[in-house]
N, C-alpha and C. Protein backbone atom coordinates (compact mmCIF):
# COMPACT_ATOMS: atom_id res chain seq x y z
N MET A 1 103.71 70.84 139.56
CA MET A 1 102.37 70.51 140.03
C MET A 1 102.43 69.32 140.99
N ASP A 2 101.92 69.50 142.23
CA ASP A 2 101.97 68.41 143.20
C ASP A 2 100.85 67.41 142.94
N GLU A 3 100.81 66.36 143.76
CA GLU A 3 99.85 65.27 143.56
C GLU A 3 98.41 65.76 143.71
N LYS A 4 98.17 66.62 144.68
CA LYS A 4 96.82 67.12 144.91
C LYS A 4 96.33 67.93 143.71
N GLU A 5 97.17 68.84 143.22
CA GLU A 5 96.80 69.66 142.07
C GLU A 5 96.58 68.81 140.83
N SER A 6 97.42 67.78 140.66
CA SER A 6 97.30 66.89 139.53
C SER A 6 95.97 66.13 139.57
N LYS A 7 95.59 65.70 140.77
CA LYS A 7 94.33 64.97 140.93
C LYS A 7 93.14 65.88 140.65
N GLU A 8 93.21 67.11 141.16
CA GLU A 8 92.12 68.08 140.94
C GLU A 8 91.98 68.40 139.46
N LYS A 9 93.10 68.54 138.76
CA LYS A 9 93.09 68.83 137.33
C LYS A 9 92.46 67.68 136.55
N GLN A 10 92.80 66.46 136.93
CA GLN A 10 92.25 65.29 136.28
C GLN A 10 90.75 65.19 136.49
N GLU A 11 90.32 65.43 137.72
CA GLU A 11 88.89 65.37 138.04
C GLU A 11 88.12 66.44 137.28
N TYR A 12 88.70 67.64 137.17
CA TYR A 12 88.04 68.71 136.44
C TYR A 12 87.91 68.36 134.97
N GLU A 13 88.97 67.83 134.39
CA GLU A 13 88.94 67.49 132.97
C GLU A 13 87.95 66.36 132.69
N GLU A 14 87.87 65.39 133.58
CA GLU A 14 86.89 64.30 133.42
C GLU A 14 85.48 64.84 133.52
N SER A 15 85.27 65.76 134.45
CA SER A 15 83.95 66.38 134.61
C SER A 15 83.59 67.21 133.39
N LEU A 16 84.57 67.94 132.86
CA LEU A 16 84.32 68.76 131.67
C LEU A 16 84.02 67.88 130.46
N GLN A 17 84.72 66.78 130.31
CA GLN A 17 84.44 65.86 129.21
C GLN A 17 83.00 65.35 129.28
N ARG A 18 82.56 65.04 130.49
CA ARG A 18 81.17 64.57 130.67
C ARG A 18 80.19 65.67 130.30
N ARG A 19 80.45 66.89 130.74
CA ARG A 19 79.55 68.00 130.44
C ARG A 19 79.48 68.27 128.94
N LEU A 20 80.61 68.19 128.26
CA LEU A 20 80.63 68.41 126.81
C LEU A 20 79.87 67.32 126.08
N LYS A 21 79.96 66.11 126.58
CA LYS A 21 79.24 64.99 125.98
C LYS A 21 77.73 65.21 126.12
N ILE A 22 77.30 65.66 127.28
CA ILE A 22 75.88 65.94 127.51
C ILE A 22 75.42 67.10 126.64
N LEU A 23 76.25 68.13 126.53
CA LEU A 23 75.92 69.28 125.68
C LEU A 23 75.71 68.84 124.25
N LYS A 24 76.61 68.03 123.73
CA LYS A 24 76.52 67.53 122.36
C LYS A 24 75.24 66.70 122.18
N GLN A 25 74.95 65.86 123.16
CA GLN A 25 73.75 65.01 123.09
C GLN A 25 72.48 65.84 123.05
N LYS A 26 72.40 66.84 123.92
CA LYS A 26 71.20 67.69 123.96
C LYS A 26 71.03 68.52 122.70
N MET A 27 72.15 68.94 122.12
CA MET A 27 72.07 69.70 120.87
C MET A 27 71.60 68.81 119.74
N GLU A 28 72.07 67.58 119.70
CA GLU A 28 71.64 66.63 118.66
C GLU A 28 70.17 66.28 118.81
N GLU A 29 69.68 66.28 120.04
CA GLU A 29 68.27 65.97 120.29
C GLU A 29 67.37 67.18 120.06
N GLY A 30 67.98 68.33 119.78
CA GLY A 30 67.20 69.54 119.53
C GLY A 30 66.57 70.13 120.78
N LYS A 31 67.16 69.85 121.94
CA LYS A 31 66.60 70.33 123.20
C LYS A 31 67.22 71.64 123.67
N ILE A 32 68.12 72.18 122.87
CA ILE A 32 68.77 73.44 123.24
C ILE A 32 68.53 74.47 122.15
N ARG A 33 68.01 75.61 122.55
CA ARG A 33 67.81 76.71 121.61
C ARG A 33 68.80 77.81 121.97
N LEU A 34 69.69 78.09 121.06
CA LEU A 34 70.73 79.09 121.30
C LEU A 34 70.39 80.40 120.61
N PRO A 35 70.78 81.51 121.21
CA PRO A 35 70.55 82.81 120.56
C PRO A 35 71.42 82.92 119.30
N ASN A 36 70.99 83.76 118.41
CA ASN A 36 71.74 83.95 117.16
C ASN A 36 72.93 84.86 117.43
N ASP A 37 73.91 84.27 118.10
CA ASP A 37 75.09 85.03 118.50
C ASP A 37 76.30 84.45 117.77
N PRO A 38 76.98 85.24 116.97
CA PRO A 38 78.15 84.75 116.21
C PRO A 38 79.24 84.18 117.10
N HIS A 39 79.42 84.76 118.29
CA HIS A 39 80.47 84.29 119.19
C HIS A 39 80.19 82.87 119.68
N ILE A 40 78.93 82.60 120.01
CA ILE A 40 78.57 81.26 120.46
C ILE A 40 78.76 80.25 119.33
N LYS A 41 78.32 80.62 118.14
CA LYS A 41 78.45 79.74 116.99
C LYS A 41 79.92 79.44 116.70
N GLU A 42 80.75 80.47 116.68
CA GLU A 42 82.18 80.28 116.42
C GLU A 42 82.84 79.42 117.50
N SER A 43 82.43 79.62 118.74
CA SER A 43 83.00 78.86 119.86
C SER A 43 82.68 77.38 119.74
N LEU A 44 81.45 77.08 119.36
CA LEU A 44 81.03 75.67 119.22
C LEU A 44 81.72 75.01 118.02
N LEU A 45 81.84 75.75 116.94
CA LEU A 45 82.47 75.19 115.73
C LEU A 45 83.97 74.99 115.92
N ALA A 46 84.54 75.68 116.88
CA ALA A 46 85.99 75.58 117.11
C ALA A 46 86.37 74.33 117.90
N VAL A 47 85.39 73.67 118.50
CA VAL A 47 85.68 72.48 119.31
C VAL A 47 86.13 71.33 118.42
N ARG A 48 87.20 70.67 118.81
CA ARG A 48 87.76 69.56 118.04
C ARG A 48 87.98 68.34 118.93
N TYR A 49 88.03 67.18 118.28
CA TYR A 49 88.32 65.92 118.98
C TYR A 49 89.78 65.56 118.79
N GLY A 50 90.34 64.92 119.82
CA GLY A 50 91.73 64.49 119.74
C GLY A 50 91.83 63.07 119.21
N PRO A 51 93.03 62.53 119.03
CA PRO A 51 93.25 61.17 118.52
C PRO A 51 92.62 60.09 119.41
N ASP A 52 92.43 60.41 120.70
CA ASP A 52 91.87 59.43 121.63
C ASP A 52 90.35 59.39 121.59
N GLY A 53 89.75 60.20 120.72
CA GLY A 53 88.29 60.22 120.60
C GLY A 53 87.60 61.15 121.57
N LYS A 54 88.37 61.76 122.45
CA LYS A 54 87.82 62.71 123.41
C LYS A 54 87.97 64.13 122.88
N VAL A 55 87.18 65.03 123.45
CA VAL A 55 87.28 66.43 123.05
C VAL A 55 88.64 66.99 123.45
N ASP A 56 89.26 67.70 122.53
CA ASP A 56 90.51 68.38 122.83
C ASP A 56 90.15 69.62 123.64
N LEU A 57 90.40 69.58 124.94
CA LEU A 57 89.96 70.65 125.83
C LEU A 57 90.63 71.99 125.52
N LYS A 58 91.74 71.96 124.79
CA LYS A 58 92.40 73.20 124.42
C LYS A 58 91.57 73.99 123.42
N THR A 59 90.64 73.30 122.75
CA THR A 59 89.80 73.96 121.75
C THR A 59 88.47 74.44 122.34
N VAL A 60 88.30 74.23 123.65
CA VAL A 60 87.04 74.60 124.32
C VAL A 60 87.24 75.88 125.12
N ASN A 61 86.61 76.95 124.68
CA ASN A 61 86.78 78.22 125.38
C ASN A 61 85.77 78.37 126.53
N GLY A 62 85.83 79.50 127.20
CA GLY A 62 84.97 79.74 128.36
C GLY A 62 83.49 79.74 128.02
N CYS A 63 83.16 80.20 126.83
CA CYS A 63 81.76 80.24 126.40
C CYS A 63 81.16 78.83 126.37
N VAL A 64 81.86 77.90 125.74
CA VAL A 64 81.37 76.53 125.62
C VAL A 64 81.37 75.84 126.98
N ARG A 65 82.37 76.11 127.79
CA ARG A 65 82.43 75.50 129.12
C ARG A 65 81.26 75.95 129.98
N SER A 66 80.94 77.23 129.91
CA SER A 66 79.80 77.75 130.68
C SER A 66 78.49 77.15 130.18
N LEU A 67 78.37 77.05 128.87
CA LEU A 67 77.16 76.47 128.28
C LEU A 67 76.99 75.01 128.70
N SER A 68 78.09 74.27 128.68
CA SER A 68 78.02 72.86 129.07
C SER A 68 77.69 72.70 130.55
N LEU A 69 78.14 73.63 131.36
CA LEU A 69 77.86 73.59 132.79
C LEU A 69 76.37 73.79 133.06
N ALA A 70 75.78 74.77 132.36
CA ALA A 70 74.35 75.05 132.55
C ALA A 70 73.48 73.89 132.06
N VAL A 71 73.83 73.35 130.89
CA VAL A 71 73.05 72.25 130.32
C VAL A 71 73.14 71.00 131.20
N THR A 72 74.33 70.72 131.71
CA THR A 72 74.52 69.55 132.57
C THR A 72 73.77 69.69 133.88
N PHE A 73 73.70 70.91 134.40
CA PHE A 73 72.96 71.15 135.63
C PHE A 73 71.50 70.72 135.47
N TRP A 74 70.88 71.16 134.38
CA TRP A 74 69.48 70.83 134.14
C TRP A 74 69.31 69.35 133.78
N HIS A 75 70.28 68.79 133.09
CA HIS A 75 70.24 67.36 132.78
C HIS A 75 70.25 66.53 134.07
N ASP A 76 71.19 66.83 134.95
CA ASP A 76 71.31 66.09 136.20
C ASP A 76 70.08 66.29 137.08
N ARG A 77 69.53 67.49 137.02
CA ARG A 77 68.33 67.80 137.80
C ARG A 77 67.16 66.93 137.35
N GLU A 78 67.00 66.80 136.03
CA GLU A 78 65.92 65.98 135.50
C GLU A 78 66.14 64.50 135.81
N GLU A 79 67.37 64.04 135.76
CA GLU A 79 67.68 62.65 136.08
C GLU A 79 67.39 62.36 137.55
N THR A 80 67.67 63.33 138.41
CA THR A 80 67.38 63.17 139.84
C THR A 80 65.89 63.04 140.06
N LYS A 81 65.10 63.84 139.36
CA LYS A 81 63.64 63.79 139.49
C LYS A 81 63.09 62.46 138.98
N LYS A 82 63.65 61.97 137.89
CA LYS A 82 63.19 60.69 137.34
C LYS A 82 63.49 59.54 138.29
N ALA A 83 64.63 59.62 138.96
CA ALA A 83 65.04 58.54 139.86
C ALA A 83 64.12 58.44 141.08
N MET A 84 63.52 59.58 141.48
CA MET A 84 62.62 59.57 142.64
C MET A 84 61.46 60.52 142.37
N PRO A 85 60.37 60.02 141.76
CA PRO A 85 59.21 60.86 141.46
C PRO A 85 58.59 61.44 142.73
N LEU A 86 57.99 62.61 142.61
CA LEU A 86 57.39 63.27 143.76
C LEU A 86 56.29 62.40 144.38
N LYS A 87 55.52 61.73 143.56
CA LYS A 87 54.46 60.87 144.07
C LYS A 87 55.03 59.77 144.96
N GLN A 88 56.16 59.22 144.54
CA GLN A 88 56.81 58.17 145.33
C GLN A 88 57.32 58.72 146.66
N ILE A 89 57.89 59.91 146.63
CA ILE A 89 58.38 60.54 147.85
C ILE A 89 57.23 60.74 148.83
N GLN A 90 56.11 61.27 148.33
CA GLN A 90 54.95 61.52 149.19
C GLN A 90 54.41 60.22 149.77
N GLU A 91 54.29 59.20 148.92
CA GLU A 91 53.72 57.93 149.38
C GLU A 91 54.59 57.28 150.47
N ILE A 92 55.90 57.29 150.26
CA ILE A 92 56.81 56.69 151.25
C ILE A 92 56.72 57.45 152.57
N TYR A 93 56.76 58.78 152.47
CA TYR A 93 56.74 59.61 153.67
C TYR A 93 55.46 59.43 154.47
N PHE A 94 54.32 59.56 153.79
CA PHE A 94 53.05 59.47 154.50
C PHE A 94 52.77 58.05 155.00
N GLN A 95 53.24 57.05 154.27
CA GLN A 95 53.07 55.67 154.73
C GLN A 95 53.87 55.44 156.00
N PHE A 96 55.03 56.05 156.07
CA PHE A 96 55.87 55.94 157.26
C PHE A 96 55.17 56.58 158.46
N ILE A 97 54.56 57.74 158.23
CA ILE A 97 53.78 58.40 159.29
C ILE A 97 52.62 57.53 159.70
N GLU A 98 51.94 56.97 158.71
CA GLU A 98 50.77 56.11 158.98
C GLU A 98 51.17 54.90 159.80
N ASN A 99 52.28 54.27 159.45
CA ASN A 99 52.71 53.06 160.16
C ASN A 99 53.03 53.34 161.62
N ASN A 100 53.48 54.54 161.92
CA ASN A 100 53.90 54.86 163.28
C ASN A 100 52.80 55.51 164.13
N PHE A 101 51.92 56.29 163.48
CA PHE A 101 50.92 57.03 164.25
C PHE A 101 49.49 56.82 163.76
N GLY A 102 49.32 55.97 162.75
CA GLY A 102 47.98 55.77 162.20
C GLY A 102 46.97 55.25 163.20
N GLN A 103 47.41 54.39 164.10
CA GLN A 103 46.48 53.80 165.08
C GLN A 103 45.87 54.87 165.98
N TYR A 104 46.69 55.85 166.37
CA TYR A 104 46.18 56.91 167.24
C TYR A 104 45.25 57.84 166.47
N PHE A 105 45.55 58.07 165.22
CA PHE A 105 44.69 58.90 164.38
C PHE A 105 43.33 58.24 164.17
N ASP A 106 43.34 56.92 163.96
CA ASP A 106 42.08 56.18 163.77
C ASP A 106 41.23 56.24 165.03
N ILE A 107 41.86 56.10 166.19
CA ILE A 107 41.12 56.19 167.46
C ILE A 107 40.51 57.58 167.62
N MET A 108 41.29 58.59 167.29
CA MET A 108 40.81 59.97 167.41
C MET A 108 39.57 60.21 166.55
N ARG A 109 39.62 59.73 165.31
CA ARG A 109 38.47 59.92 164.41
C ARG A 109 37.27 59.09 164.84
N LYS A 110 37.53 57.84 165.25
CA LYS A 110 36.44 56.94 165.63
C LYS A 110 35.69 57.47 166.84
N LYS A 111 36.42 58.00 167.82
CA LYS A 111 35.80 58.48 169.06
C LYS A 111 35.52 59.99 169.03
N LYS A 112 35.78 60.60 167.88
CA LYS A 112 35.54 62.03 167.67
C LYS A 112 36.26 62.87 168.72
N LEU A 113 37.54 62.57 168.91
CA LEU A 113 38.36 63.30 169.86
C LEU A 113 39.22 64.33 169.15
N THR A 114 39.83 65.19 169.91
CA THR A 114 40.79 66.14 169.36
C THR A 114 42.19 65.58 169.58
N PRO A 115 43.20 66.07 168.84
CA PRO A 115 44.57 65.62 169.08
C PRO A 115 44.99 65.81 170.54
N HIS A 116 44.50 66.90 171.15
CA HIS A 116 44.82 67.16 172.57
C HIS A 116 44.25 66.06 173.46
N ASP A 117 43.01 65.65 173.18
CA ASP A 117 42.37 64.59 173.98
C ASP A 117 43.19 63.30 173.90
N VAL A 118 43.63 62.95 172.71
CA VAL A 118 44.40 61.73 172.53
C VAL A 118 45.73 61.84 173.26
N GLY A 119 46.37 63.01 173.16
CA GLY A 119 47.65 63.21 173.82
C GLY A 119 47.53 63.08 175.33
N VAL A 120 46.48 63.65 175.91
CA VAL A 120 46.26 63.57 177.35
C VAL A 120 46.04 62.12 177.77
N ALA A 121 45.24 61.38 176.97
CA ALA A 121 44.96 59.98 177.29
C ALA A 121 46.24 59.13 177.25
N LEU A 122 47.09 59.39 176.29
CA LEU A 122 48.33 58.62 176.16
C LEU A 122 49.28 58.89 177.34
N THR A 123 49.27 60.13 177.85
CA THR A 123 50.18 60.45 178.96
C THR A 123 49.76 59.78 180.27
N LYS A 124 48.55 59.27 180.31
CA LYS A 124 48.07 58.59 181.52
C LYS A 124 48.37 57.10 181.52
N ASN A 125 48.99 56.63 180.42
CA ASN A 125 49.32 55.21 180.31
C ASN A 125 50.84 55.05 180.36
N PRO A 126 51.39 54.62 181.49
CA PRO A 126 52.85 54.50 181.64
C PRO A 126 53.51 53.62 180.60
N SER A 127 52.85 52.51 180.22
CA SER A 127 53.44 51.60 179.24
C SER A 127 53.53 52.26 177.87
N THR A 128 52.52 53.08 177.54
CA THR A 128 52.56 53.80 176.26
C THR A 128 53.67 54.84 176.25
N ILE A 129 53.82 55.56 177.36
CA ILE A 129 54.89 56.56 177.47
C ILE A 129 56.25 55.90 177.31
N ASP A 130 56.41 54.76 177.99
CA ASP A 130 57.68 54.04 177.92
C ASP A 130 57.97 53.57 176.49
N SER A 131 56.94 53.05 175.84
CA SER A 131 57.10 52.55 174.48
C SER A 131 57.44 53.67 173.50
N MET A 132 56.71 54.78 173.60
CA MET A 132 56.94 55.88 172.67
C MET A 132 58.26 56.58 172.94
N SER A 133 58.69 56.61 174.19
CA SER A 133 59.98 57.22 174.53
C SER A 133 61.12 56.48 173.85
N LYS A 134 60.94 55.21 173.62
CA LYS A 134 61.97 54.41 172.97
C LYS A 134 61.90 54.49 171.45
N THR A 135 60.67 54.58 170.94
CA THR A 135 60.51 54.53 169.47
C THR A 135 60.64 55.89 168.79
N ILE A 136 60.31 56.98 169.48
CA ILE A 136 60.35 58.30 168.85
C ILE A 136 61.75 58.68 168.36
N PRO A 137 62.81 58.47 169.17
CA PRO A 137 64.16 58.78 168.65
C PRO A 137 64.50 57.99 167.39
N GLU A 138 64.08 56.73 167.34
CA GLU A 138 64.31 55.92 166.15
C GLU A 138 63.49 56.45 164.97
N PHE A 139 62.28 56.88 165.28
CA PHE A 139 61.40 57.44 164.25
C PHE A 139 62.02 58.70 163.65
N MET A 140 62.50 59.61 164.50
CA MET A 140 63.10 60.85 164.03
C MET A 140 64.38 60.58 163.25
N GLU A 141 65.14 59.60 163.67
CA GLU A 141 66.36 59.24 162.96
C GLU A 141 66.04 58.71 161.56
N SER A 142 64.98 57.91 161.48
CA SER A 142 64.56 57.37 160.18
C SER A 142 64.06 58.48 159.26
N ILE A 143 63.33 59.44 159.83
CA ILE A 143 62.85 60.58 159.05
C ILE A 143 64.02 61.39 158.49
N ASP A 144 65.02 61.62 159.34
CA ASP A 144 66.21 62.36 158.90
C ASP A 144 66.93 61.63 157.77
N GLU A 145 67.05 60.33 157.90
CA GLU A 145 67.73 59.53 156.88
C GLU A 145 66.95 59.56 155.57
N PHE A 146 65.63 59.50 155.69
CA PHE A 146 64.79 59.53 154.48
C PHE A 146 64.99 60.84 153.72
N TRP A 147 64.98 61.97 154.45
CA TRP A 147 65.10 63.26 153.77
C TRP A 147 66.51 63.51 153.24
N LYS A 148 67.50 62.89 153.85
CA LYS A 148 68.85 62.98 153.31
C LYS A 148 68.90 62.34 151.93
N ILE A 149 68.13 61.26 151.76
CA ILE A 149 68.09 60.55 150.47
C ILE A 149 67.21 61.30 149.47
N ALA A 150 66.06 61.78 149.95
CA ALA A 150 65.05 62.35 149.05
C ALA A 150 65.17 63.86 148.85
N GLU A 151 66.03 64.51 149.62
CA GLU A 151 66.07 65.97 149.62
C GLU A 151 66.27 66.60 148.25
N LYS A 152 67.29 66.17 147.53
CA LYS A 152 67.59 66.80 146.23
C LYS A 152 66.45 66.60 145.24
N ALA A 153 65.92 65.38 145.18
CA ALA A 153 64.82 65.10 144.26
C ALA A 153 63.57 65.89 144.66
N ALA A 154 63.26 65.91 145.95
CA ALA A 154 62.08 66.62 146.43
C ALA A 154 62.19 68.12 146.14
N TYR A 155 63.36 68.68 146.39
CA TYR A 155 63.55 70.11 146.16
C TYR A 155 63.38 70.45 144.68
N ALA A 156 63.92 69.60 143.81
CA ALA A 156 63.80 69.84 142.37
C ALA A 156 62.35 69.77 141.93
N HIS A 157 61.60 68.79 142.47
CA HIS A 157 60.18 68.66 142.13
C HIS A 157 59.40 69.89 142.60
N ILE A 158 59.64 70.28 143.84
CA ILE A 158 58.87 71.38 144.41
C ILE A 158 59.18 72.70 143.71
N GLU A 159 60.41 72.87 143.25
CA GLU A 159 60.74 74.08 142.49
C GLU A 159 59.89 74.17 141.22
N ASP A 160 59.49 73.03 140.69
CA ASP A 160 58.71 73.00 139.46
C ASP A 160 57.21 73.14 139.68
N VAL A 161 56.80 73.06 140.95
CA VAL A 161 55.37 73.09 141.25
C VAL A 161 54.94 74.54 141.48
N PHE A 162 53.93 74.98 140.75
CA PHE A 162 53.39 76.32 140.94
C PHE A 162 52.22 76.25 141.90
N LEU A 163 52.08 77.29 142.70
CA LEU A 163 51.01 77.35 143.67
C LEU A 163 50.05 78.47 143.35
N VAL A 164 48.78 78.23 143.69
CA VAL A 164 47.79 79.29 143.61
C VAL A 164 47.74 79.93 144.99
N GLU A 165 47.99 81.21 145.06
CA GLU A 165 47.99 81.91 146.34
C GLU A 165 46.69 82.70 146.43
N THR A 166 45.86 82.38 147.44
CA THR A 166 44.57 83.04 147.56
C THR A 166 44.44 83.70 148.92
N TYR A 167 43.60 84.72 148.99
CA TYR A 167 43.40 85.48 150.22
C TYR A 167 41.93 85.40 150.61
N PHE A 168 41.66 85.08 151.89
CA PHE A 168 40.31 84.97 152.39
C PHE A 168 40.05 85.99 153.49
N HIS A 169 38.82 86.46 153.56
CA HIS A 169 38.43 87.36 154.63
C HIS A 169 38.49 86.59 155.95
N PRO A 170 39.11 87.13 157.00
CA PRO A 170 39.30 86.40 158.25
C PRO A 170 38.01 85.99 158.96
N THR A 171 36.90 86.69 158.68
CA THR A 171 35.64 86.38 159.36
C THR A 171 34.70 85.58 158.47
N THR A 172 34.44 86.09 157.27
CA THR A 172 33.48 85.45 156.39
C THR A 172 34.07 84.30 155.59
N LYS A 173 35.43 84.25 155.51
CA LYS A 173 36.14 83.23 154.74
C LYS A 173 35.86 83.30 153.25
N THR A 174 35.30 84.43 152.80
CA THR A 174 35.04 84.58 151.37
C THR A 174 36.34 84.97 150.67
N LEU A 175 36.46 84.56 149.43
CA LEU A 175 37.67 84.82 148.65
C LEU A 175 37.80 86.31 148.36
N LEU A 176 38.93 86.88 148.73
CA LEU A 176 39.18 88.29 148.45
C LEU A 176 39.81 88.47 147.08
N ARG A 177 40.91 87.76 146.85
CA ARG A 177 41.54 87.86 145.54
C ARG A 177 42.55 86.74 145.38
N SER A 178 42.94 86.49 144.15
CA SER A 178 43.96 85.50 143.86
C SER A 178 45.24 86.23 143.49
N ALA A 179 46.35 85.74 144.00
CA ALA A 179 47.63 86.44 143.79
C ALA A 179 48.49 85.77 142.73
N GLY A 180 47.91 84.90 141.93
CA GLY A 180 48.67 84.29 140.85
C GLY A 180 49.46 83.08 141.29
N TYR A 181 50.68 82.98 140.81
CA TYR A 181 51.49 81.79 141.04
C TYR A 181 52.81 82.12 141.71
N ILE A 182 53.22 81.26 142.61
CA ILE A 182 54.51 81.39 143.27
C ILE A 182 55.15 80.02 143.34
N GLN A 183 56.38 79.96 143.80
CA GLN A 183 57.05 78.69 143.99
C GLN A 183 57.11 78.36 145.47
N ILE A 184 57.11 77.07 145.80
CA ILE A 184 57.07 76.64 147.19
C ILE A 184 58.45 76.16 147.64
N PRO A 185 58.91 76.57 148.81
CA PRO A 185 60.19 76.08 149.33
C PRO A 185 60.05 74.68 149.90
N LEU A 186 61.18 74.03 150.12
CA LEU A 186 61.19 72.63 150.54
C LEU A 186 60.50 72.42 151.87
N PHE A 187 60.60 73.39 152.80
CA PHE A 187 60.07 73.14 154.14
C PHE A 187 58.56 72.93 154.11
N CYS A 188 57.90 73.37 153.07
CA CYS A 188 56.45 73.20 152.99
C CYS A 188 56.05 71.75 152.67
N LEU A 189 57.03 70.88 152.47
CA LEU A 189 56.71 69.47 152.33
C LEU A 189 56.24 68.87 153.64
N ILE A 190 56.47 69.58 154.75
CA ILE A 190 56.00 69.09 156.04
C ILE A 190 54.49 68.94 155.98
N PRO A 191 53.93 67.78 156.32
CA PRO A 191 52.48 67.57 156.20
C PRO A 191 51.73 68.40 157.23
N LEU A 192 51.01 69.39 156.78
CA LEU A 192 50.25 70.24 157.68
C LEU A 192 48.77 69.87 157.71
N CYS A 193 48.34 69.00 156.80
CA CYS A 193 46.97 68.50 156.89
C CYS A 193 46.93 67.10 156.33
N ASP A 194 46.19 66.88 155.21
CA ASP A 194 46.09 65.52 154.69
C ASP A 194 46.95 65.34 153.46
N LYS A 195 46.75 64.22 152.76
CA LYS A 195 47.63 63.87 151.65
C LYS A 195 47.31 64.66 150.38
N SER A 196 46.16 65.33 150.34
CA SER A 196 45.78 65.98 149.09
C SER A 196 46.28 67.41 148.97
N CYS A 197 46.55 68.06 150.10
CA CYS A 197 47.00 69.44 150.00
C CYS A 197 47.73 69.84 151.26
N LEU A 198 48.53 70.86 151.15
CA LEU A 198 49.25 71.41 152.28
C LEU A 198 48.82 72.86 152.46
N TRP A 199 48.66 73.25 153.72
CA TRP A 199 48.19 74.61 153.98
C TRP A 199 49.20 75.36 154.84
N ALA A 200 49.29 76.63 154.62
CA ALA A 200 50.07 77.48 155.52
C ALA A 200 49.25 78.72 155.78
N GLY A 201 48.99 79.03 157.02
CA GLY A 201 48.11 80.16 157.34
C GLY A 201 48.79 81.20 158.20
N GLY A 202 48.38 82.44 158.06
CA GLY A 202 48.92 83.51 158.88
C GLY A 202 47.80 84.14 159.70
N ALA A 203 48.12 85.16 160.47
CA ALA A 203 47.12 85.83 161.28
C ALA A 203 46.51 87.00 160.52
N LEU A 204 45.57 87.68 161.16
CA LEU A 204 44.89 88.85 160.61
C LEU A 204 44.26 88.53 159.25
N LYS A 205 44.76 89.14 158.19
CA LYS A 205 44.24 88.82 156.86
C LYS A 205 44.77 87.45 156.48
N THR A 206 44.06 86.43 156.93
CA THR A 206 44.56 85.06 156.80
C THR A 206 44.93 84.73 155.37
N ARG A 207 46.15 84.26 155.23
CA ARG A 207 46.67 83.95 153.90
C ARG A 207 46.93 82.45 153.83
N TYR A 208 46.28 81.80 152.89
CA TYR A 208 46.44 80.37 152.72
C TYR A 208 47.19 80.06 151.44
N ILE A 209 48.11 79.10 151.53
CA ILE A 209 48.83 78.64 150.36
C ILE A 209 48.40 77.22 150.08
N ILE A 210 47.91 76.94 148.90
CA ILE A 210 47.39 75.62 148.57
C ILE A 210 48.38 74.86 147.71
N PHE A 211 48.77 73.70 148.16
CA PHE A 211 49.70 72.85 147.42
C PHE A 211 48.90 72.00 146.46
N LEU A 212 49.05 72.23 145.17
CA LEU A 212 48.26 71.52 144.18
C LEU A 212 48.70 70.08 144.04
N ASN A 213 47.73 69.18 143.79
CA ASN A 213 48.06 67.77 143.56
C ASN A 213 48.89 67.59 142.31
N MET A 214 49.79 66.62 142.35
CA MET A 214 50.52 66.25 141.14
C MET A 214 49.62 65.36 140.30
N PRO A 215 49.72 65.38 138.97
CA PRO A 215 48.86 64.53 138.13
C PRO A 215 49.20 63.06 138.33
């Protein structure tokens, strides 16, 4: 066995020890419900500890290893969500947008303009164009960095959020029917309206997806 293989083996065994520790912890906490399967029971009972206090990996079969992998996945997922709550992600993101573009939005609302009107007015001011040309690349870079940090937590949160999918008549806007619940993909975190909900619309039989507020 060369150095690379030896290192990979060591890393795998350390990772497996961690997963087995989490599996044991979750079982002791009563957070795992296992099917009444004799093979699973026998596999778990066969696990032994070595003189060093660690699990003797030779006593851990594929069944237990797979179980520990699944349990650790959900454990790490929950820890990621706790480290960065969805509310915090939303607040940081929208505050960043507000800090950079809030002044233009306030002007638009105060003077009852459209986004197009504001955009046209800004293009007629050379100093504004020069200023924004310098700041926008920095703004986009900061946004990219933020999502690199928040991506895993945000995705885990959004996977847990159920949406009400409703259909409206394209002319009367009356509710046609409700389609129950679906899950939302990460890209829908893009702010399409205000802080309370996100909308996605299609043509013809307009279909709206409503992003429910977190408690």
